[in-house]
Protein backbone atom coordinates (compact mmCIF):
# COMPACT_ATOMS: atom_id res chain seq x y z
CA MET A 1 -65.35 49.66 24.62
CA ALA A 2 -62.83 48.41 27.20
CA VAL A 3 -61.86 45.53 24.92
CA ASP A 4 -61.41 47.84 21.93
CA LEU A 5 -59.25 50.18 23.99
CA TRP A 6 -57.13 47.30 25.22
CA GLU A 7 -56.67 45.92 21.70
CA TYR A 8 -55.56 49.38 20.56
CA ILE A 9 -53.02 49.53 23.42
CA ALA A 10 -51.85 45.97 22.72
CA GLY A 11 -51.32 46.92 19.09
CA GLU A 12 -49.29 49.94 20.10
CA THR A 13 -47.09 47.98 22.52
CA GLY A 14 -46.92 44.70 20.61
CA ALA A 15 -48.28 42.77 23.59
CA GLU A 16 -49.40 39.18 23.08
CA TYR A 17 -52.49 38.08 24.97
CA GLU A 18 -55.39 35.68 25.25
CA TYR A 19 -58.81 36.29 26.76
CA LYS A 20 -60.38 34.49 29.68
CA SER A 21 -64.03 35.26 30.37
CA PHE A 22 -65.85 35.35 33.70
CA ASP A 23 -69.58 35.19 34.37
CA THR A 24 -69.70 37.89 37.03
CA VAL A 25 -67.73 40.93 38.17
CA THR A 26 -67.09 39.19 41.48
CA GLN A 27 -65.32 36.31 39.75
CA LEU A 28 -63.24 38.74 37.68
CA ILE A 29 -62.18 40.71 40.77
CA ASP A 30 -61.22 37.52 42.59
CA ALA A 31 -59.16 36.41 39.59
CA VAL A 32 -57.13 39.62 39.28
CA SER A 33 -56.58 39.97 43.03
CA SER A 34 -55.29 36.37 43.24
CA GLU A 35 -53.05 36.86 40.18
CA GLN A 36 -54.91 34.29 38.10
CA ILE A 37 -54.93 36.88 35.31
CA ASP A 38 -52.56 39.71 34.40
CA LEU A 39 -55.14 42.32 33.46
CA ALA A 40 -58.87 42.89 34.02
CA VAL A 41 -60.35 44.37 30.86
CA THR A 42 -63.88 45.63 31.45
CA ASN A 43 -65.77 48.65 32.74
CA LEU A 44 -64.21 48.21 36.17
CA THR A 45 -65.10 50.97 38.61
CA ILE A 46 -62.22 52.29 40.70
CA THR A 47 -63.17 52.11 44.38
CA GLU A 48 -61.22 52.26 47.63
CA LYS A 49 -62.22 48.72 48.52
CA ARG A 50 -61.05 47.33 45.19
CA ALA A 51 -57.84 49.38 45.24
CA GLY A 52 -56.99 47.59 48.46
CA ARG A 53 -57.11 44.25 46.66
CA PHE A 54 -55.33 45.10 43.39
CA ASP A 55 -53.89 47.99 41.37
CA PHE A 56 -55.57 50.20 38.78
CA THR A 57 -54.27 52.06 35.76
CA GLN A 58 -54.98 55.71 35.12
CA PRO A 59 -58.78 56.11 34.65
CA TRP A 60 -59.81 55.85 31.03
CA PHE A 61 -63.51 56.73 31.33
CA ASP A 62 -65.66 58.98 33.52
CA ALA A 63 -68.96 57.32 34.29
CA GLY A 64 -71.45 56.80 37.08
CA LEU A 65 -74.71 55.06 37.86
CA ARG A 66 -78.05 55.64 36.17
CA ILE A 67 -81.49 54.08 36.24
CA MET A 68 -83.24 52.10 33.52
CA VAL A 69 -87.03 51.66 33.60
CA SER A 70 -89.76 50.36 31.35
CA GLU A 71 -91.49 52.88 29.10
CA THR A 72 -94.79 51.34 30.19
CA PRO A 73 -94.69 50.82 33.98
CA HIS A 74 -95.88 47.37 35.08
CA VAL A 75 -98.71 47.43 37.62
CA GLY A 76 -99.28 43.94 38.97
CA PHE A 77 -102.29 42.57 40.85
CA SER A 78 -100.57 42.95 44.22
CA GLY A 79 -99.74 46.56 43.37
CA LEU A 80 -103.38 47.21 42.46
CA VAL A 81 -104.63 45.68 45.71
CA GLU A 82 -102.14 47.75 47.68
CA GLY A 83 -103.23 50.87 45.83
CA LEU A 84 -106.91 50.14 46.54
CA ARG A 85 -106.07 49.63 50.20
CA ASP A 86 -104.10 52.87 50.43
CA ALA A 87 -106.95 54.75 48.73
CA GLY A 88 -109.47 53.36 51.24
CA TYR A 89 -111.49 51.29 48.77
CA LEU A 90 -111.06 47.85 50.34
CA LYS A 91 -113.49 48.55 53.19
CA PRO A 92 -116.34 49.57 50.82
CA TYR A 93 -115.50 46.49 48.72
CA ALA A 94 -115.87 44.34 51.84
CA TRP A 95 -119.30 45.87 52.50
CA LEU A 96 -120.30 45.21 48.89
CA ALA A 97 -119.21 41.58 49.23
CA LEU A 98 -121.25 41.27 52.43
CA ILE A 99 -124.29 42.81 50.73
CA ILE A 100 -123.92 40.35 47.84
CA VAL A 101 -123.82 37.40 50.26
CA VAL A 102 -126.83 38.67 52.24
CA SER A 103 -128.76 39.41 49.03
CA THR A 104 -128.01 35.93 47.72
CA LEU A 105 -129.27 34.28 50.90
CA GLY A 106 -132.29 36.59 51.10
CA MET A 107 -133.25 35.93 47.48
CA THR A 108 -132.86 32.20 48.04
CA LEU A 109 -135.18 32.22 51.05
CA PHE A 110 -137.68 34.47 49.26
CA ASP A 111 -137.85 32.35 46.10
CA ARG A 112 -138.03 29.07 48.02
CA ARG A 113 -141.15 30.39 49.73
CA PHE A 114 -142.96 32.20 46.91
CA ASP A 115 -141.72 30.58 43.66
CA LYS A 116 -142.81 26.96 43.36
CA GLY A 117 -140.53 26.48 40.35
CA PHE A 118 -137.43 27.50 42.28
CA PRO A 119 -134.91 24.69 43.00
CA GLN A 120 -135.57 23.21 46.42
CA LYS A 121 -132.05 21.86 46.86
CA TRP A 122 -130.07 24.43 48.84
CA THR A 123 -126.90 24.28 46.76
CA ASP A 124 -128.84 24.66 43.51
CA GLY A 125 -131.00 27.43 44.95
CA VAL A 126 -128.06 29.43 46.33
CA ALA A 127 -126.20 29.07 43.03
CA GLU A 128 -129.24 30.32 41.11
CA SER A 129 -129.67 33.31 43.43
CA PHE A 130 -125.97 34.14 43.36
CA TYR A 131 -126.06 34.13 39.56
CA SER A 132 -129.04 36.51 39.61
CA VAL A 133 -127.36 38.91 42.04
CA MET A 134 -124.06 38.94 40.13
CA SER A 135 -125.89 39.49 36.83
CA VAL A 136 -127.42 42.65 38.26
CA VAL A 137 -124.12 43.81 39.80
CA THR A 138 -121.85 43.19 36.81
CA SER A 139 -124.12 44.00 33.87
CA GLY A 140 -127.05 45.96 35.25
CA LYS A 141 -129.35 43.34 33.76
CA ALA A 142 -131.48 40.90 35.67
CA PRO A 143 -132.02 37.34 34.41
CA SER A 144 -135.53 36.38 33.40
CA ARG A 145 -137.60 35.96 36.55
CA LYS A 146 -141.25 35.52 37.40
CA ASN A 147 -143.03 38.69 38.47
CA LEU A 148 -144.81 37.53 41.61
CA PHE A 149 -146.16 40.89 42.81
CA GLY A 150 -147.40 42.78 39.75
CA TRP A 151 -146.43 46.43 39.41
CA VAL A 152 -144.77 46.45 42.84
CA GLY A 153 -142.51 43.61 41.70
CA ARG A 154 -141.54 45.51 38.54
CA ILE A 155 -140.59 48.61 40.51
CA TRP A 156 -138.55 46.46 42.88
CA GLN A 157 -136.72 44.86 39.95
CA ALA A 158 -136.03 48.30 38.47
CA LEU A 159 -134.53 49.47 41.75
CA TRP A 160 -132.30 46.39 41.75
CA LEU A 161 -131.06 47.32 38.28
CA VAL A 162 -130.24 50.87 39.38
CA CYS A 163 -128.30 49.53 42.37
CA GLY A 164 -126.41 47.12 40.13
CA ILE A 165 -125.41 49.85 37.69
CA ALA A 166 -124.30 52.09 40.58
CA VAL A 167 -122.16 49.33 42.09
CA MET A 168 -120.53 48.53 38.75
CA ALA A 169 -119.82 52.21 38.10
CA TYR A 170 -118.27 52.60 41.55
CA VAL A 171 -116.00 49.57 41.17
CA THR A 172 -114.93 50.56 37.65
CA SER A 173 -114.18 54.17 38.57
CA SER A 174 -112.26 53.23 41.73
CA VAL A 175 -110.07 50.68 39.93
CA THR A 176 -109.45 53.10 37.06
CA SER A 177 -108.50 55.96 39.38
CA VAL A 178 -106.12 53.77 41.39
CA MET A 179 -104.44 52.40 38.26
CA THR A 180 -104.04 55.93 36.90
CA SER A 181 -102.59 57.07 40.21
CA LEU A 182 -100.18 54.11 40.29
CA SER A 183 -99.08 54.88 36.75
CA LEU A 184 -98.30 58.48 37.69
CA THR A 185 -96.88 58.07 41.18
CA GLY A 186 -95.04 54.90 40.18
CA THR A 187 -92.96 56.84 37.66
CA ILE A 188 -89.26 56.61 38.45
CA ASN A 189 -87.08 59.54 37.43
CA SER A 190 -84.37 59.62 40.08
CA VAL A 191 -82.87 57.76 43.02
CA SER A 192 -85.37 59.36 45.40
CA ASP A 193 -88.18 57.57 43.53
CA LEU A 194 -86.70 54.14 44.32
CA ALA A 195 -87.93 54.07 47.92
CA GLY A 196 -90.14 51.03 48.35
CA LYS A 197 -89.22 49.70 44.90
CA THR A 198 -87.27 46.59 43.94
CA VAL A 199 -84.37 47.04 41.53
CA ALA A 200 -82.00 44.75 39.64
CA VAL A 201 -78.23 45.18 39.96
CA ALA A 202 -75.28 43.25 38.56
CA GLU A 203 -73.68 40.87 41.02
CA GLY A 204 -70.47 42.26 42.48
CA SER A 205 -70.94 45.66 40.84
CA SER A 206 -70.74 49.12 42.34
CA ALA A 207 -74.50 49.34 41.72
CA GLU A 208 -75.02 46.38 44.06
CA GLU A 209 -72.91 48.09 46.71
CA PHE A 210 -74.82 51.36 46.25
CA ALA A 211 -78.20 49.63 46.61
CA HIS A 212 -77.01 47.89 49.77
CA ASP A 213 -75.63 51.08 51.31
CA SER A 214 -78.77 53.04 50.37
CA ILE A 215 -81.07 50.33 51.78
CA ILE A 216 -82.78 49.84 48.41
CA THR A 217 -84.39 46.44 47.92
CA SER A 218 -82.51 44.70 45.13
CA ILE A 219 -81.92 41.40 43.39
CA SER A 220 -78.52 40.55 41.94
CA THR A 221 -78.23 39.28 38.37
CA ARG A 222 -75.37 37.87 36.33
CA ASN A 223 -75.39 40.56 33.64
CA ILE A 224 -77.36 43.33 31.95
CA ASN A 225 -79.41 40.86 29.89
CA ALA A 226 -80.64 39.11 33.02
CA SER A 227 -81.48 42.48 34.59
CA VAL A 228 -83.47 43.52 31.51
CA GLU A 229 -85.34 40.21 31.58
CA ALA A 230 -86.31 40.84 35.20
CA LEU A 231 -87.50 44.36 34.34
CA GLU A 232 -89.52 43.31 31.30
CA ASN A 233 -91.22 40.52 33.26
CA GLY A 234 -92.18 42.87 36.07
CA TRP A 235 -90.00 41.14 38.66
CA VAL A 236 -88.31 44.47 39.39
CA GLU A 237 -89.34 48.06 38.79
CA ALA A 238 -85.98 49.44 37.71
CA ILE A 239 -82.35 48.63 37.00
CA ILE A 240 -79.44 50.44 38.63
CA GLY A 241 -76.30 50.08 36.58
CA ASP A 242 -73.28 51.74 35.07
CA ALA A 243 -74.51 54.54 32.82
CA PRO A 244 -72.38 53.45 29.81
CA VAL A 245 -73.65 49.87 30.09
CA LEU A 246 -77.30 50.93 30.18
CA GLU A 247 -76.88 53.48 27.40
CA TYR A 248 -74.99 51.02 25.21
CA TYR A 249 -77.73 48.41 25.68
CA LEU A 250 -80.33 50.86 24.39
CA HIS A 251 -78.01 51.94 21.57
CA ARG A 252 -77.78 48.30 20.46
CA ASN A 253 -81.45 47.48 21.16
CA PRO A 254 -83.50 50.48 19.99
CA GLN A 255 -86.61 48.30 19.76
CA ALA A 256 -86.59 47.65 23.51
CA GLU A 257 -89.42 49.45 25.32
CA LEU A 258 -86.98 50.75 27.92
CA LYS A 259 -85.43 54.08 28.76
CA VAL A 260 -82.61 55.46 30.89
CA VAL A 261 -83.82 58.21 33.20
CA GLY A 262 -82.40 60.80 35.54
CA PRO A 263 -78.93 62.27 35.81
CA ILE A 264 -75.78 60.32 36.58
CA PHE A 265 -75.33 59.76 40.30
CA GLN A 266 -72.52 58.13 42.26
CA PRO A 267 -69.81 59.40 39.83
CA GLU A 268 -67.29 56.73 38.93
CA LYS A 269 -64.11 56.25 36.95
CA TYR A 270 -63.18 53.14 35.00
CA GLY A 271 -59.68 51.71 34.97
CA PHE A 272 -57.96 48.47 34.03
CA GLY A 273 -57.21 46.22 37.00
CA LEU A 274 -53.84 44.55 37.59
CA PRO A 275 -52.38 42.46 40.43
CA HIS A 276 -50.49 44.42 43.09
CA GLY A 277 -46.99 45.33 41.92
CA SER A 278 -47.62 44.38 38.30
CA PRO A 279 -44.83 45.60 35.96
CA LEU A 280 -47.52 46.39 33.38
CA ARG A 281 -49.08 49.15 35.43
CA ARG A 282 -46.77 52.02 34.41
CA GLU A 283 -46.77 51.07 30.73
CA MET A 284 -50.55 50.67 30.68
CA THR A 285 -51.07 54.02 32.40
CA ILE A 286 -48.86 55.79 29.86
CA GLU A 287 -50.82 54.22 26.99
CA VAL A 288 -54.16 55.18 28.56
CA VAL A 289 -53.03 58.80 28.89
CA GLY A 290 -51.91 58.71 25.27
CA ALA A 291 -55.28 57.33 24.15
CA HIS A 292 -56.92 60.30 25.87
CA GLU A 293 -54.59 62.80 24.22
CA ASN A 294 -54.82 61.47 20.67
CA GLY A 295 -58.62 61.15 20.67
CA VAL A 296 -58.86 57.35 20.58
CA ILE A 297 -61.12 57.21 23.63
CA ASP A 298 -63.36 59.98 22.26
CA ASP A 299 -63.70 58.05 19.00
CA LEU A 300 -64.63 54.88 20.89
CA ARG A 301 -67.19 56.79 22.94
CA THR A 302 -68.85 58.06 19.75
CA GLN A 303 -68.76 54.59 18.23
CA TYR A 304 -70.48 52.99 21.19
CA PHE A 305 -72.86 55.68 22.38
CA GLY A 306 -73.40 57.92 19.36
CA ASP A 307 -72.88 61.65 19.10
CA ASN A 308 -74.98 62.26 22.21
């Protein structure tokens, strides 16, 4: 949108120009402040810090920051373990693991004494017993075994099966409840939900500065595409960025399983950047005001973001 607005202004004034691209906002800011370029054409947020380094035209767009998240929140293994710990399930799991180890050793000793066909080598015997215990725990079914004690042995085996089914039901229900809780409580709808989360921000952007000032854990990326890649791969849980940039990305990529949530925060204004004392500043400001008055900027907004 900034480029289209500039090309409209250049057409109105008859200005001749050539573009020079930069990989990051930081590089662009350094270029305009050191007079390597005559004009910075992008969604450049007007801030006090930047105004101390170079001049701005009249603002041409009212914007702000918003948050982009995945439509299907990513819950990784570490997040699941943390959720199980917070819910108090790890201690019972530790007891279950201890019971499995003790049961394996007990079954090994028992079978070595009473079952002459049981492997006499310790490693083979322990492996066989561990397989039997885990079969009961995970499937509720015991492997084929000799019944050494008649009806008493059958009742004992039945009790083992009941215990196995109970353990499996407990593990399944606890994991399911924690994952459901993470899915609900992990939902991000506003800045207040970002506590303890990791977000992606564009390097050198006002979003990066906001995350730093708000003590929000963040990683800096080169552009919106890199931020989206980080979000889709589960490396971050959200993106903080300029609202128009996020909204335009979704407008151009409707198939992306992403959404922009929450209201605009940290209100911002975009302007074109020029070196201090540039003779272009007054002329550019007049043209920007004219573009507001004759509806050019409104038309560009509709073109890029739709009627909404």
